[in-house]
Every structure is written in structure tokens, then in C-alpha cells.
Amino acid sequence: MPAGQEIEWYFADPTPSAMVVPVTEDGNVVLVKQYRHNLKKDTLELPAGIVSADEPTVDAALRELVEETGYILAEGGSLYPLGSYYALPSET
């Protein structure tokens, strides 16, 4: 550190993940209720999860949508990439 103090340093190298913002035909956003132990309560979240090795991100997003909500992409529907993000910007 600038003042000469020594500290232990670590970093997190998170696995790539995909998140979906599912919008129904009625214009509602589908959220997932999940219990988060570190918070000791349920949270409402967008469906998301890990991208497996050699799995296209789009496939992972669709898989997580089905696994977490039971919804599937409507026939003729499309996914629109919203960009990338850091899940833990202070940790990576």
C-alpha cells in the first residue's frame, strides 16, 4: 500500500454467465424468486446462470430461461444482445 502497509491480495475469476430479460407477449418481465443464503432472504432476479465450456452464450441464455422459469422463446421470437457486464466489478 502507499503507506508501506502490506496486505493480502486476491481476485475472483468468475465463470462466464448469461442473463435473460424475458418479456411476455403482454409486456410483463419474468423474474425468478430465489433464496440467497448470504442475504438470508428471497430475492427477485432475472434468469441467469453459468455458460458451460464450449457452449454458445445464446444457448446458455435459452437453457437458463427454461431451467429457471419454464418459459421458452416463442416461435419466431428473437434474442437481442444487451451487451456485456461485470457481475462483480470490484472483484474482477
N, C-alpha and C. Protein backbone atom coordinates (compact mmCIF):
# COMPACT_ATOMS: atom_id res chain seq x y z
N MET A 1 0.85 -1.17 0.00
CA MET A 1 0.00 0.00 0.00
C MET A 1 0.90 1.24 0.00
N PRO A 2 0.36 2.39 -0.38
CA PRO A 2 1.18 3.60 -0.45
C PRO A 2 1.91 3.95 0.85
N ALA A 3 1.30 3.65 1.99
CA ALA A 3 1.94 3.98 3.27
C ALA A 3 2.91 2.90 3.73
N GLY A 4 3.12 1.86 2.90
CA GLY A 4 4.05 0.80 3.25
C GLY A 4 3.42 -0.39 3.93
N GLN A 5 2.13 -0.31 4.22
CA GLN A 5 1.43 -1.43 4.85
C GLN A 5 1.29 -2.56 3.85
N GLU A 6 1.54 -3.79 4.28
CA GLU A 6 1.36 -4.96 3.41
C GLU A 6 0.02 -5.60 3.69
N ILE A 7 -0.66 -5.98 2.62
CA ILE A 7 -1.95 -6.65 2.75
C ILE A 7 -1.94 -7.88 1.86
N GLU A 8 -2.86 -8.81 2.15
CA GLU A 8 -3.04 -9.96 1.27
C GLU A 8 -3.94 -9.54 0.12
N TRP A 9 -3.65 -10.01 -1.06
CA TRP A 9 -4.42 -9.65 -2.24
C TRP A 9 -5.00 -10.92 -2.85
N TYR A 10 -6.20 -10.85 -3.34
CA TYR A 10 -6.83 -11.96 -4.02
C TYR A 10 -7.69 -11.40 -5.13
N PHE A 11 -8.08 -12.26 -6.04
CA PHE A 11 -9.00 -11.84 -7.08
C PHE A 11 -9.93 -13.00 -7.40
N ALA A 12 -11.09 -12.66 -7.91
CA ALA A 12 -12.07 -13.66 -8.34
C ALA A 12 -12.04 -13.71 -9.85
N ASP A 13 -12.04 -14.89 -10.38
CA ASP A 13 -12.07 -15.07 -11.83
C ASP A 13 -13.37 -15.80 -12.16
N PRO A 14 -14.48 -15.05 -12.22
CA PRO A 14 -15.78 -15.72 -12.38
C PRO A 14 -15.93 -16.39 -13.74
N THR A 15 -16.69 -17.45 -13.72
CA THR A 15 -17.03 -18.17 -14.95
C THR A 15 -17.97 -17.30 -15.77
N PRO A 16 -17.85 -17.30 -17.10
CA PRO A 16 -18.80 -16.53 -17.91
C PRO A 16 -20.24 -16.96 -17.62
N SER A 17 -21.13 -15.99 -17.67
CA SER A 17 -22.54 -16.28 -17.41
C SER A 17 -23.41 -15.54 -18.41
N ALA A 18 -24.67 -15.93 -18.45
CA ALA A 18 -25.64 -15.29 -19.33
C ALA A 18 -26.87 -14.93 -18.52
N MET A 19 -27.48 -13.81 -18.85
CA MET A 19 -28.68 -13.34 -18.19
C MET A 19 -29.72 -13.03 -19.27
N VAL A 20 -30.98 -13.29 -18.96
CA VAL A 20 -32.06 -13.06 -19.91
C VAL A 20 -33.06 -12.08 -19.30
N VAL A 21 -33.57 -11.17 -20.12
CA VAL A 21 -34.66 -10.29 -19.71
C VAL A 21 -35.89 -10.75 -20.49
N PRO A 22 -36.59 -11.77 -19.97
CA PRO A 22 -37.73 -12.31 -20.71
C PRO A 22 -38.95 -11.40 -20.61
N VAL A 23 -39.50 -11.04 -21.76
CA VAL A 23 -40.68 -10.20 -21.82
C VAL A 23 -41.80 -11.01 -22.47
N THR A 24 -42.93 -11.13 -21.78
CA THR A 24 -44.05 -11.91 -22.30
C THR A 24 -44.77 -11.12 -23.40
N GLU A 25 -45.67 -11.81 -24.09
CA GLU A 25 -46.46 -11.14 -25.12
C GLU A 25 -47.27 -9.98 -24.55
N ASP A 26 -47.60 -10.05 -23.26
CA ASP A 26 -48.36 -8.99 -22.59
C ASP A 26 -47.46 -7.84 -22.12
N GLY A 27 -46.16 -7.96 -22.35
CA GLY A 27 -45.23 -6.91 -21.95
C GLY A 27 -44.73 -7.01 -20.52
N ASN A 28 -44.99 -8.15 -19.86
CA ASN A 28 -44.50 -8.35 -18.49
C ASN A 28 -43.10 -8.94 -18.51
N VAL A 29 -42.27 -8.52 -17.57
CA VAL A 29 -40.93 -9.09 -17.41
C VAL A 29 -41.03 -10.25 -16.43
N VAL A 30 -40.44 -11.38 -16.79
CA VAL A 30 -40.47 -12.58 -15.94
C VAL A 30 -39.25 -12.55 -15.03
N LEU A 31 -39.50 -12.64 -13.72
CA LEU A 31 -38.43 -12.68 -12.72
C LEU A 31 -38.45 -14.02 -12.00
N VAL A 32 -37.35 -14.34 -11.37
CA VAL A 32 -37.21 -15.59 -10.62
C VAL A 32 -37.04 -15.24 -9.14
N LYS A 33 -37.82 -15.90 -8.29
CA LYS A 33 -37.68 -15.72 -6.85
C LYS A 33 -36.72 -16.78 -6.36
N GLN A 34 -35.60 -16.33 -5.75
CA GLN A 34 -34.58 -17.27 -5.26
C GLN A 34 -34.16 -16.88 -3.86
N TYR A 35 -33.94 -17.89 -3.03
CA TYR A 35 -33.42 -17.64 -1.68
C TYR A 35 -31.90 -17.49 -1.78
N ARG A 36 -31.39 -16.41 -1.21
CA ARG A 36 -29.94 -16.17 -1.19
C ARG A 36 -29.49 -16.23 0.27
N HIS A 37 -28.71 -17.27 0.55
CA HIS A 37 -28.31 -17.53 1.94
C HIS A 37 -27.52 -16.36 2.54
N ASN A 38 -26.62 -15.75 1.75
CA ASN A 38 -25.82 -14.66 2.31
C ASN A 38 -26.69 -13.47 2.73
N LEU A 39 -27.83 -13.29 2.08
CA LEU A 39 -28.76 -12.22 2.44
C LEU A 39 -29.81 -12.67 3.44
N LYS A 40 -29.95 -13.99 3.58
CA LYS A 40 -30.95 -14.60 4.46
C LYS A 40 -32.36 -14.21 4.06
N LYS A 41 -32.60 -14.09 2.75
CA LYS A 41 -33.94 -13.76 2.27
C LYS A 41 -34.07 -14.11 0.80
N ASP A 42 -35.31 -14.09 0.33
CA ASP A 42 -35.59 -14.30 -1.09
C ASP A 42 -35.31 -13.01 -1.85
N THR A 43 -34.89 -13.17 -3.10
CA THR A 43 -34.68 -12.03 -3.98
C THR A 43 -35.45 -12.27 -5.28
N LEU A 44 -35.74 -11.22 -6.00
CA LEU A 44 -36.31 -11.31 -7.34
C LEU A 44 -35.18 -10.99 -8.31
N GLU A 45 -34.95 -11.89 -9.26
CA GLU A 45 -33.82 -11.76 -10.17
C GLU A 45 -34.23 -12.09 -11.59
N LEU A 46 -33.43 -11.62 -12.51
CA LEU A 46 -33.58 -12.07 -13.89
C LEU A 46 -32.98 -13.46 -14.00
N PRO A 47 -33.53 -14.31 -14.87
CA PRO A 47 -32.96 -15.64 -15.06
C PRO A 47 -31.53 -15.52 -15.57
N ALA A 48 -30.62 -16.26 -14.95
CA ALA A 48 -29.21 -16.18 -15.32
C ALA A 48 -28.49 -17.43 -14.85
N GLY A 49 -27.34 -17.67 -15.43
CA GLY A 49 -26.53 -18.80 -14.99
C GLY A 49 -25.24 -18.92 -15.77
N ILE A 50 -24.50 -19.92 -15.41
CA ILE A 50 -23.17 -20.18 -15.97
C ILE A 50 -23.27 -20.64 -17.42
N VAL A 51 -22.32 -20.17 -18.22
CA VAL A 51 -22.16 -20.66 -19.59
C VAL A 51 -21.17 -21.83 -19.51
N SER A 52 -21.60 -23.01 -19.90
CA SER A 52 -20.74 -24.19 -19.86
C SER A 52 -19.61 -24.06 -20.89
N ALA A 53 -18.56 -24.82 -20.66
CA ALA A 53 -17.43 -24.80 -21.59
C ALA A 53 -17.89 -25.15 -22.99
N ASP A 54 -17.44 -24.39 -23.97
CA ASP A 54 -17.77 -24.60 -25.39
C ASP A 54 -19.25 -24.44 -25.70
N GLU A 55 -20.02 -23.82 -24.81
CA GLU A 55 -21.45 -23.58 -25.05
C GLU A 55 -21.63 -22.15 -25.56
N PRO A 56 -22.29 -21.96 -26.68
CA PRO A 56 -22.57 -20.59 -27.11
C PRO A 56 -23.42 -19.85 -26.07
N THR A 57 -23.13 -18.58 -25.87
CA THR A 57 -23.83 -17.78 -24.87
C THR A 57 -25.34 -17.77 -25.12
N VAL A 58 -25.74 -17.70 -26.37
CA VAL A 58 -27.18 -17.71 -26.69
C VAL A 58 -27.82 -19.00 -26.21
N ASP A 59 -27.16 -20.13 -26.43
CA ASP A 59 -27.69 -21.42 -25.97
C ASP A 59 -27.81 -21.45 -24.45
N ALA A 60 -26.80 -20.91 -23.77
CA ALA A 60 -26.84 -20.87 -22.30
C ALA A 60 -28.00 -20.00 -21.81
N ALA A 61 -28.21 -18.87 -22.47
CA ALA A 61 -29.31 -17.98 -22.07
C ALA A 61 -30.66 -18.67 -22.23
N LEU A 62 -30.85 -19.35 -23.35
CA LEU A 62 -32.11 -20.07 -23.57
C LEU A 62 -32.28 -21.23 -22.59
N ARG A 63 -31.19 -21.92 -22.29
CA ARG A 63 -31.24 -23.03 -21.33
C ARG A 63 -31.62 -22.51 -19.94
N GLU A 64 -31.00 -21.42 -19.51
CA GLU A 64 -31.32 -20.85 -18.20
C GLU A 64 -32.77 -20.37 -18.14
N LEU A 65 -33.25 -19.80 -19.23
CA LEU A 65 -34.65 -19.36 -19.28
C LEU A 65 -35.59 -20.52 -18.98
N VAL A 66 -35.36 -21.65 -19.65
CA VAL A 66 -36.22 -22.82 -19.44
C VAL A 66 -36.03 -23.39 -18.04
N GLU A 67 -34.77 -23.56 -17.63
CA GLU A 67 -34.49 -24.17 -16.32
C GLU A 67 -35.10 -23.37 -15.17
N GLU A 68 -35.00 -22.05 -15.24
CA GLU A 68 -35.40 -21.24 -14.10
C GLU A 68 -36.84 -20.76 -14.15
N THR A 69 -37.44 -20.72 -15.34
CA THR A 69 -38.79 -20.17 -15.43
C THR A 69 -39.81 -21.11 -16.05
N GLY A 70 -39.34 -22.08 -16.85
CA GLY A 70 -40.25 -22.94 -17.59
C GLY A 70 -40.70 -22.31 -18.90
N TYR A 71 -40.32 -21.07 -19.14
CA TYR A 71 -40.68 -20.40 -20.39
C TYR A 71 -39.70 -20.80 -21.49
N ILE A 72 -40.18 -20.75 -22.74
CA ILE A 72 -39.33 -20.96 -23.90
C ILE A 72 -39.49 -19.75 -24.82
N LEU A 73 -38.52 -19.56 -25.67
CA LEU A 73 -38.60 -18.47 -26.64
C LEU A 73 -39.74 -18.78 -27.61
N ALA A 74 -40.63 -17.84 -27.81
CA ALA A 74 -41.77 -18.03 -28.70
C ALA A 74 -41.29 -18.29 -30.12
N GLU A 75 -42.04 -19.12 -30.83
CA GLU A 75 -41.71 -19.38 -32.23
C GLU A 75 -41.69 -18.05 -32.98
N GLY A 76 -40.61 -17.82 -33.68
CA GLY A 76 -40.43 -16.56 -34.39
C GLY A 76 -39.88 -15.45 -33.50
N GLY A 77 -39.71 -15.74 -32.21
CA GLY A 77 -39.16 -14.76 -31.28
C GLY A 77 -37.66 -14.60 -31.48
N SER A 78 -37.11 -13.57 -30.91
CA SER A 78 -35.68 -13.28 -31.06
C SER A 78 -35.06 -12.90 -29.72
N LEU A 79 -33.78 -13.18 -29.63
CA LEU A 79 -32.98 -12.67 -28.52
C LEU A 79 -32.22 -11.45 -29.04
N TYR A 80 -32.16 -10.42 -28.22
CA TYR A 80 -31.43 -9.21 -28.60
C TYR A 80 -30.31 -9.02 -27.58
N PRO A 81 -29.06 -9.04 -28.02
CA PRO A 81 -27.96 -8.84 -27.06
C PRO A 81 -28.02 -7.43 -26.48
N LEU A 82 -27.90 -7.35 -25.17
CA LEU A 82 -27.92 -6.06 -24.49
C LEU A 82 -26.53 -5.61 -24.08
N GLY A 83 -25.53 -6.42 -24.43
CA GLY A 83 -24.15 -6.08 -24.09
C GLY A 83 -23.60 -6.98 -23.02
N SER A 84 -22.38 -6.70 -22.63
CA SER A 84 -21.75 -7.49 -21.59
C SER A 84 -21.63 -6.64 -20.33
N TYR A 85 -21.37 -7.30 -19.23
CA TYR A 85 -21.29 -6.61 -17.95
C TYR A 85 -20.37 -7.38 -17.03
N TYR A 86 -19.93 -6.73 -15.98
CA TYR A 86 -19.14 -7.37 -14.93
C TYR A 86 -20.10 -7.69 -13.78
N ALA A 87 -20.18 -8.95 -13.42
CA ALA A 87 -21.07 -9.34 -12.33
C ALA A 87 -20.58 -8.77 -11.00
N LEU A 88 -19.27 -8.75 -10.82
CA LEU A 88 -18.66 -8.23 -9.58
C LEU A 88 -17.54 -7.25 -9.95
N PRO A 89 -17.87 -6.04 -10.38
CA PRO A 89 -16.84 -5.15 -10.89
C PRO A 89 -15.73 -4.83 -9.91
N SER A 90 -16.00 -4.86 -8.62
CA SER A 90 -14.95 -4.58 -7.65
C SER A 90 -14.12 -5.82 -7.34
N GLU A 91 -14.52 -6.97 -7.86
CA GLU A 91 -13.84 -8.22 -7.54
C GLU A 91 -13.06 -8.79 -8.72
N THR A 92 -13.20 -8.23 -9.92
CA THR A 92 -12.51 -8.81 -11.08
C THR A 92 -11.45 -7.88 -11.62
